[in-house]
Amino acid sequence: MFKRLQNFMLVNLGVMLIVVAGLGLDSRCMWTMYEPDIPECLKR
């Protein structure tokens, strides 16, 4: 019984980690499109 519960929990943890990784990839791609203007004093 404990072995089935442990297997169930590990499978669900793996699925949740895959979902979180997929969501993180999407939000990171959104930020790469934004490029702020660099001040003149830092361009040298």
C-alpha atoms as a PDB file:
ATOM      1  CA  MET A   1       0.000   0.000   0.000  1.00  0.00           C
ATOM      2  CA  PHE A   2       2.763   2.442   0.943  1.00  0.00           C
ATOM      3  CA  LYS A   3       4.666   1.568  -2.247  1.00  0.00           C
ATOM      4  CA  ARG A   4       1.635   2.490  -4.419  1.00  0.00           C
ATOM      5  CA  LEU A   5       1.152   5.779  -2.566  1.00  0.00           C
ATOM      6  CA  GLN A   6       4.843   6.619  -2.888  1.00  0.00           C
ATOM      7  CA  ASN A   7       4.769   5.858  -6.622  1.00  0.00           C
ATOM      8  CA  PHE A   8       1.625   7.985  -7.069  1.00  0.00           C
ATOM      9  CA  MET A   9       3.199  10.939  -5.248  1.00  0.00           C
ATOM     10  CA  LEU A  10       6.443  10.754  -7.248  1.00  0.00           C
ATOM     11  CA  VAL A  11       4.592  10.610 -10.561  1.00  0.00           C
ATOM     12  CA  ASN A  12       2.453  13.619  -9.624  1.00  0.00           C
ATOM     13  CA  LEU A  13       5.533  15.544  -8.475  1.00  0.00           C
ATOM     14  CA  GLY A  14       7.217  14.840 -11.805  1.00  0.00           C
ATOM     15  CA  VAL A  15       4.175  16.037 -13.754  1.00  0.00           C
ATOM     16  CA  MET A  16       3.962  19.232 -11.695  1.00  0.00           C
ATOM     17  CA  LEU A  17       7.662  19.959 -12.271  1.00  0.00           C
ATOM     18  CA  ILE A  18       7.235  19.505 -16.021  1.00  0.00           C
ATOM     19  CA  VAL A  19       4.261  21.900 -16.027  1.00  0.00           C
ATOM     20  CA  VAL A  20       6.165  24.512 -14.001  1.00  0.00           C
ATOM     21  CA  ALA A  21       9.168  24.214 -16.317  1.00  0.00           C
ATOM     22  CA  GLY A  22       6.934  24.764 -19.337  1.00  0.00           C
ATOM     23  CA  LEU A  23       5.323  27.832 -17.792  1.00  0.00           C
ATOM     24  CA  GLY A  24       8.723  29.261 -16.867  1.00  0.00           C
ATOM     25  CA  LEU A  25       9.924  28.924 -20.435  1.00  0.00           C
ATOM     26  CA  ASP A  26       6.950  30.884 -21.765  1.00  0.00           C
ATOM     27  CA  SER A  27       7.319  33.770 -19.325  1.00  0.00           C
ATOM     28  CA  ARG A  28      11.062  33.986 -19.933  1.00  0.00           C
ATOM     29  CA  CYS A  29      10.549  34.258 -23.691  1.00  0.00           C
ATOM     30  CA  MET A  30       8.197  37.175 -23.136  1.00  0.00           C
ATOM     31  CA  TRP A  31      10.918  39.143 -21.284  1.00  0.00           C
ATOM     32  CA  THR A  32      13.527  38.677 -24.004  1.00  0.00           C
ATOM     33  CA  MET A  33      11.511  40.875 -26.376  1.00  0.00           C
ATOM     34  CA  TYR A  34      11.875  43.881 -24.034  1.00  0.00           C
ATOM     35  CA  GLU A  35      15.148  45.779 -24.479  1.00  0.00           C
ATOM     36  CA  PRO A  36      15.392  49.031 -22.497  1.00  0.00           C
ATOM     37  CA  ASP A  37      17.302  52.047 -23.835  1.00  0.00           C
ATOM     38  CA  ILE A  38      20.849  52.268 -22.493  1.00  0.00           C
ATOM     39  CA  PRO A  39      21.753  55.693 -21.044  1.00  0.00           C
ATOM     40  CA  GLU A  40      24.425  57.649 -22.955  1.00  0.00           C
ATOM     41  CA  CYS A  41      26.824  57.629 -19.975  1.00  0.00           C
ATOM     42  CA  LEU A  42      26.853  53.793 -19.974  1.00  0.00           C
ATOM     43  CA  LYS A  43      27.337  53.383 -23.734  1.00  0.00           C
ATOM     44  CA  ARG A  44      31.020  54.389 -23.621  1.00  0.00           C
END
